[in-house]
């Protein structure tokens, strides 16, 4: 069972931004940039191309909407995207709200759940995910 599944089951705390039947979105606990966010499918699959088409497409739809919210919340130059599944064998999309294109993204420092919660609240204020 992955750390993300444990979060879903309430075994590990998370700074939740958004959740639906297919995925959930949280603030990363080890952000390289403020507001780094993870879009995670509820299905525990470790390789993105092994996801069914519906889940795959939904993850990217939610990532796009959250990315726009991150742009608004953090006044970004743009939000960058990375798909992962190595560190944690559970697909997740990392969204990096970047204010400076010269920023080199590497190894973030852990933040407290209180700090993550505050960041999540700032982001949630710019929801809902409707256009």
Protein backbone atom coordinates (compact mmCIF):
# COMPACT_ATOMS: atom_id res chain seq x y z
CA UNK A 1 0.00 0.00 0.00
CA UNK A 2 1.47 3.36 -1.03
CA UNK A 3 1.77 6.46 1.16
CA UNK A 4 -0.94 8.05 -1.01
CA UNK A 5 -3.36 5.18 -0.37
CA UNK A 6 -2.61 5.54 3.34
CA UNK A 7 -3.48 9.25 3.03
CA UNK A 8 -6.75 8.34 1.32
CA UNK A 9 -7.54 5.90 4.13
CA UNK A 10 -6.88 8.60 6.74
CA UNK A 11 -3.83 6.79 8.15
CA UNK A 12 -1.49 9.69 7.28
CA UNK A 13 -2.45 13.40 7.40
CA UNK A 14 -2.66 15.42 4.19
CA UNK A 15 -3.26 19.05 3.22
CA UNK A 16 -6.21 18.42 0.90
CA UNK A 17 -7.04 20.94 -1.81
CA UNK A 18 -9.54 18.97 -3.89
CA UNK A 19 -11.07 15.50 -4.10
CA UNK A 20 -13.54 13.72 -6.37
CA UNK A 21 -14.35 10.07 -7.16
CA UNK A 22 -11.24 9.60 -9.33
CA UNK A 23 -8.44 11.62 -7.72
CA UNK A 24 -7.36 13.92 -4.95
CA UNK A 25 -5.05 16.94 -4.87
CA UNK A 26 -2.72 17.79 -1.98
CA UNK A 27 0.06 20.20 -1.10
CA UNK A 28 3.44 18.43 -1.33
CA UNK A 29 5.09 18.03 2.07
CA UNK A 30 8.56 18.49 0.50
CA UNK A 31 8.06 21.43 -1.87
CA UNK A 32 10.87 22.84 -3.99
CA UNK A 33 8.63 25.86 -4.58
CA UNK A 34 5.76 27.22 -2.50
CA UNK A 35 2.47 25.70 -3.59
CA UNK A 36 3.91 22.56 -5.17
CA UNK A 37 0.88 20.36 -5.55
CA UNK A 38 0.26 16.66 -6.28
CA UNK A 39 -2.63 15.32 -8.34
CA UNK A 40 -3.05 11.66 -7.41
CA UNK A 41 -5.41 9.01 -8.78
CA UNK A 42 -7.24 6.98 -6.17
CA UNK A 43 -6.31 3.84 -8.12
CA UNK A 44 -2.89 2.64 -6.98
CA UNK A 45 -1.07 2.28 -10.31
CA UNK A 46 2.67 2.99 -10.60
CA UNK A 47 2.97 3.75 -14.34
CA UNK A 48 0.85 6.45 -15.96
CA UNK A 49 0.42 4.58 -19.23
CA UNK A 50 -1.10 1.66 -17.35
CA UNK A 51 -4.03 3.84 -16.24
CA UNK A 52 -7.35 3.42 -18.03
CA UNK A 53 -8.12 6.24 -20.47
CA UNK A 54 -10.85 7.76 -18.32
CA UNK A 55 -8.59 8.10 -15.28
CA UNK A 56 -5.64 9.29 -17.38
CA UNK A 57 -7.71 12.02 -19.07
CA UNK A 58 -9.34 13.06 -15.80
CA UNK A 59 -5.95 13.52 -14.09
CA UNK A 60 -4.83 15.88 -16.82
CA UNK A 61 -8.15 17.79 -16.81
CA UNK A 62 -7.86 18.33 -13.05
CA UNK A 63 -4.13 19.17 -13.39
CA UNK A 64 -4.96 21.87 -15.93
CA UNK A 65 -7.65 23.38 -13.70
CA UNK A 66 -5.46 23.24 -10.59
CA UNK A 67 -2.54 24.67 -12.61
CA UNK A 68 -4.67 27.71 -13.50
CA UNK A 69 -5.63 28.09 -9.84
CA UNK A 70 -1.94 27.90 -8.85
CA UNK A 71 -1.13 30.59 -11.44
CA UNK A 72 -3.75 32.84 -9.84
CA UNK A 73 -2.82 32.02 -6.24
CA UNK A 74 0.95 32.40 -6.60
CA UNK A 75 1.17 34.93 -9.46
CA UNK A 76 3.30 32.51 -11.46
CA UNK A 77 5.20 32.92 -14.67
CA UNK A 78 3.75 29.46 -15.37
CA UNK A 79 3.03 26.21 -13.62
CA UNK A 80 5.30 23.34 -14.63
CA UNK A 81 4.20 19.71 -14.66
CA UNK A 82 6.01 16.42 -14.03
CA UNK A 83 4.50 12.93 -13.97
CA UNK A 84 6.04 10.61 -11.39
CA UNK A 85 5.73 7.14 -10.00
CA UNK A 86 9.28 6.20 -9.02
CA UNK A 87 9.85 7.60 -5.51
CA UNK A 88 6.36 6.45 -4.56
CA UNK A 89 5.14 3.58 -6.75
CA UNK A 90 1.80 5.31 -7.31
CA UNK A 91 1.29 7.64 -10.27
CA UNK A 92 1.14 11.29 -9.34
CA UNK A 93 1.34 14.54 -11.23
CA UNK A 94 3.54 17.21 -9.66
CA UNK A 95 2.57 20.82 -10.32
CA UNK A 96 5.22 23.49 -9.67
CA UNK A 97 3.96 27.09 -9.58
CA UNK A 98 7.07 28.95 -10.73
CA UNK A 99 7.52 32.70 -10.40
CA UNK A 100 11.06 32.74 -11.82
CA UNK A 101 11.91 30.77 -14.97
CA UNK A 102 15.54 30.63 -13.86
CA UNK A 103 14.60 28.62 -10.78
CA UNK A 104 16.20 25.19 -10.72
CA UNK A 105 13.87 22.68 -9.12
CA UNK A 106 15.59 20.21 -6.80
CA UNK A 107 15.13 18.65 -3.35
CA UNK A 108 12.64 20.56 -1.28
CA UNK A 109 12.74 20.98 2.48
CA UNK A 110 9.98 19.41 4.53
CA UNK A 111 7.25 21.73 5.74
CA UNK A 112 4.94 21.18 8.70
CA UNK A 113 1.34 20.04 8.25
CA UNK A 114 0.33 23.47 9.57
CA UNK A 115 2.32 25.19 6.80
CA UNK A 116 0.94 22.76 4.21
CA UNK A 117 -2.58 23.41 5.50
CA UNK A 118 -2.09 27.17 5.18
CA UNK A 119 -0.90 26.77 1.58
CA UNK A 120 -3.85 24.45 0.82
CA UNK A 121 -6.27 27.03 2.23
CA UNK A 122 -4.78 29.78 0.03
CA UNK A 123 -5.26 27.55 -3.03
CA UNK A 124 -8.78 26.41 -2.05
CA UNK A 125 -9.88 30.06 -1.85
CA UNK A 126 -9.51 30.19 -5.64
CA UNK A 127 -11.66 27.10 -6.28
CA UNK A 128 -14.22 25.83 -7.46
CA UNK A 129 -12.91 24.01 -10.48
CA UNK A 130 -15.46 25.41 -12.90
CA UNK A 131 -14.75 27.61 -15.86
